[in-house]
Amino acid sequence: MRKRKDAQWVYFNEDRRQVIEDVRQAEREVALALWRFHDALGEDHVDYAIYSLEAAEKKLDMLLRKAKGLWSITPREEESRGKIG
């Protein structure tokens, strides 16, 4: 039984680690999109920068919601949903 609990925590913590990594990457993408926007020259570049920034912000928002949900549940709740074990 102890091994199963340990395996649940490993799976659960790996999920959390991946979300942290994804959020950090999304933050870098937002920063890059902001840089593109501030340095945009011409109408096409501005349009591209705006679309890139909107997409990067949406991605970050989605990942933050995912992280919030992941941190609000315990491995026991996750197991009861059938995703662990």
C-alpha atoms as a PDB file:
ATOM      1  CA  MET A   1       0.000   0.000   0.000  1.00  0.00           C
ATOM      2  CA  ARG A   2       2.862   2.377   0.816  1.00  0.00           C
ATOM      3  CA  LYS A   3       4.382   1.953  -2.668  1.00  0.00           C
ATOM      4  CA  ARG A   4       1.065   2.833  -4.263  1.00  0.00           C
ATOM      5  CA  LYS A   5       0.806   6.043  -2.230  1.00  0.00           C
ATOM      6  CA  ASP A   6       4.381   6.967  -3.132  1.00  0.00           C
ATOM      7  CA  ALA A   7       3.645   6.339  -6.804  1.00  0.00           C
ATOM      8  CA  GLN A   8       0.568   8.560  -6.561  1.00  0.00           C
ATOM      9  CA  TRP A   9       2.614  11.398  -5.119  1.00  0.00           C
ATOM     10  CA  VAL A  10       5.314  10.989  -7.766  1.00  0.00           C
ATOM     11  CA  TYR A  11       2.693  11.185 -10.523  1.00  0.00           C
ATOM     12  CA  PHE A  12       0.948  14.108  -8.842  1.00  0.00           C
ATOM     13  CA  ASN A  13       4.185  16.015  -8.235  1.00  0.00           C
ATOM     14  CA  GLU A  14       5.387  15.364 -11.795  1.00  0.00           C
ATOM     15  CA  ASP A  15       2.145  16.896 -13.076  1.00  0.00           C
ATOM     16  CA  ARG A  16       2.732  19.956 -10.900  1.00  0.00           C
ATOM     17  CA  ARG A  17       6.366  20.255 -11.993  1.00  0.00           C
ATOM     18  CA  GLN A  18       5.303  20.163 -15.646  1.00  0.00           C
ATOM     19  CA  VAL A  19       2.688  22.864 -15.114  1.00  0.00           C
ATOM     20  CA  ILE A  20       5.275  25.096 -13.426  1.00  0.00           C
ATOM     21  CA  GLU A  21       7.618  24.610 -16.376  1.00  0.00           C
ATOM     22  CA  ASP A  22       4.805  25.341 -18.858  1.00  0.00           C
ATOM     23  CA  VAL A  23       3.786  28.524 -16.992  1.00  0.00           C
ATOM     24  CA  ARG A  24       7.376  29.787 -16.996  1.00  0.00           C
ATOM     25  CA  GLN A  25       7.645  29.137 -20.734  1.00  0.00           C
ATOM     26  CA  ALA A  26       4.340  30.936 -21.338  1.00  0.00           C
ATOM     27  CA  GLU A  27       5.600  33.919 -19.326  1.00  0.00           C
ATOM     28  CA  ARG A  28       8.672  34.073 -21.582  1.00  0.00           C
ATOM     29  CA  GLU A  29       6.394  33.947 -24.636  1.00  0.00           C
ATOM     30  CA  VAL A  30       4.351  36.880 -23.306  1.00  0.00           C
ATOM     31  CA  ALA A  31       7.543  38.867 -22.694  1.00  0.00           C
ATOM     32  CA  LEU A  32       8.749  38.133 -26.231  1.00  0.00           C
ATOM     33  CA  ALA A  33       5.381  39.122 -27.704  1.00  0.00           C
ATOM     34  CA  LEU A  34       5.495  42.402 -25.758  1.00  0.00           C
ATOM     35  CA  TRP A  35       8.971  43.063 -27.097  1.00  0.00           C
ATOM     36  CA  ARG A  36       7.721  42.387 -30.640  1.00  0.00           C
ATOM     37  CA  PHE A  37       4.827  44.777 -30.106  1.00  0.00           C
ATOM     38  CA  HIS A  38       7.035  47.598 -28.806  1.00  0.00           C
ATOM     39  CA  ASP A  39       9.500  47.165 -31.658  1.00  0.00           C
ATOM     40  CA  ALA A  40       6.947  46.654 -34.427  1.00  0.00           C
ATOM     41  CA  LEU A  41       7.442  48.720 -37.568  1.00  0.00           C
ATOM     42  CA  GLY A  42       4.599  48.974 -40.004  1.00  0.00           C
ATOM     43  CA  GLU A  43       1.012  47.879 -39.971  1.00  0.00           C
ATOM     44  CA  ASP A  44       1.667  44.193 -40.711  1.00  0.00           C
ATOM     45  CA  HIS A  45       4.234  43.920 -37.918  1.00  0.00           C
ATOM     46  CA  VAL A  46       1.876  45.588 -35.464  1.00  0.00           C
ATOM     47  CA  ASP A  47      -0.963  43.233 -36.441  1.00  0.00           C
ATOM     48  CA  TYR A  48       1.305  40.210 -36.051  1.00  0.00           C
ATOM     49  CA  ALA A  49       2.575  41.478 -32.697  1.00  0.00           C
ATOM     50  CA  ILE A  50      -0.967  41.996 -31.422  1.00  0.00           C
ATOM     51  CA  TYR A  51      -2.074  38.510 -32.462  1.00  0.00           C
ATOM     52  CA  SER A  52       1.049  36.983 -30.925  1.00  0.00           C
ATOM     53  CA  LEU A  53       0.524  38.858 -27.676  1.00  0.00           C
ATOM     54  CA  GLU A  54      -3.138  37.878 -27.461  1.00  0.00           C
ATOM     55  CA  ALA A  55      -2.296  34.224 -28.097  1.00  0.00           C
ATOM     56  CA  ALA A  56       0.522  34.235 -25.539  1.00  0.00           C
ATOM     57  CA  GLU A  57      -1.713  35.853 -22.919  1.00  0.00           C
ATOM     58  CA  LYS A  58      -4.500  33.336 -23.558  1.00  0.00           C
ATOM     59  CA  LYS A  59      -2.045  30.461 -23.240  1.00  0.00           C
ATOM     60  CA  LEU A  60      -0.696  31.828 -19.961  1.00  0.00           C
ATOM     61  CA  ASP A  61      -4.221  32.331 -18.631  1.00  0.00           C
ATOM     62  CA  MET A  62      -5.158  28.762 -19.558  1.00  0.00           C
ATOM     63  CA  LEU A  63      -2.066  27.354 -17.835  1.00  0.00           C
ATOM     64  CA  LEU A  64      -2.650  29.432 -14.707  1.00  0.00           C
ATOM     65  CA  ARG A  65      -6.222  28.097 -14.485  1.00  0.00           C
ATOM     66  CA  LYS A  66      -4.850  24.579 -14.890  1.00  0.00           C
ATOM     67  CA  ALA A  67      -2.291  25.188 -12.147  1.00  0.00           C
ATOM     68  CA  LYS A  68      -4.925  26.616  -9.834  1.00  0.00           C
ATOM     69  CA  GLY A  69      -7.057  23.528 -10.340  1.00  0.00           C
ATOM     70  CA  LEU A  70      -4.118  21.202  -9.830  1.00  0.00           C
ATOM     71  CA  TRP A  71      -3.096  22.845  -6.575  1.00  0.00           C
ATOM     72  CA  SER A  72      -6.651  22.841  -5.246  1.00  0.00           C
ATOM     73  CA  ILE A  73      -6.960  19.036  -5.249  1.00  0.00           C
ATOM     74  CA  THR A  74      -5.129  16.345  -3.331  1.00  0.00           C
ATOM     75  CA  PRO A  75      -3.791  13.041  -4.685  1.00  0.00           C
ATOM     76  CA  ARG A  76      -6.641  11.263  -2.862  1.00  0.00           C
ATOM     77  CA  GLU A  77      -9.206  13.354  -4.751  1.00  0.00           C
ATOM     78  CA  GLU A  78      -7.293  12.711  -7.962  1.00  0.00           C
ATOM     79  CA  GLU A  79      -7.409   8.963  -7.267  1.00  0.00           C
ATOM     80  CA  SER A  80     -11.147   9.087  -6.668  1.00  0.00           C
ATOM     81  CA  ARG A  81     -11.534  10.659 -10.100  1.00  0.00           C
ATOM     82  CA  GLY A  82      -9.759   7.649 -11.554  1.00  0.00           C
ATOM     83  CA  LYS A  83      -6.691   9.460 -12.817  1.00  0.00           C
ATOM     84  CA  ILE A  84      -4.201   7.910 -10.382  1.00  0.00           C
ATOM     85  CA  GLY A  85      -3.709   4.318  -9.398  1.00  0.00           C
END
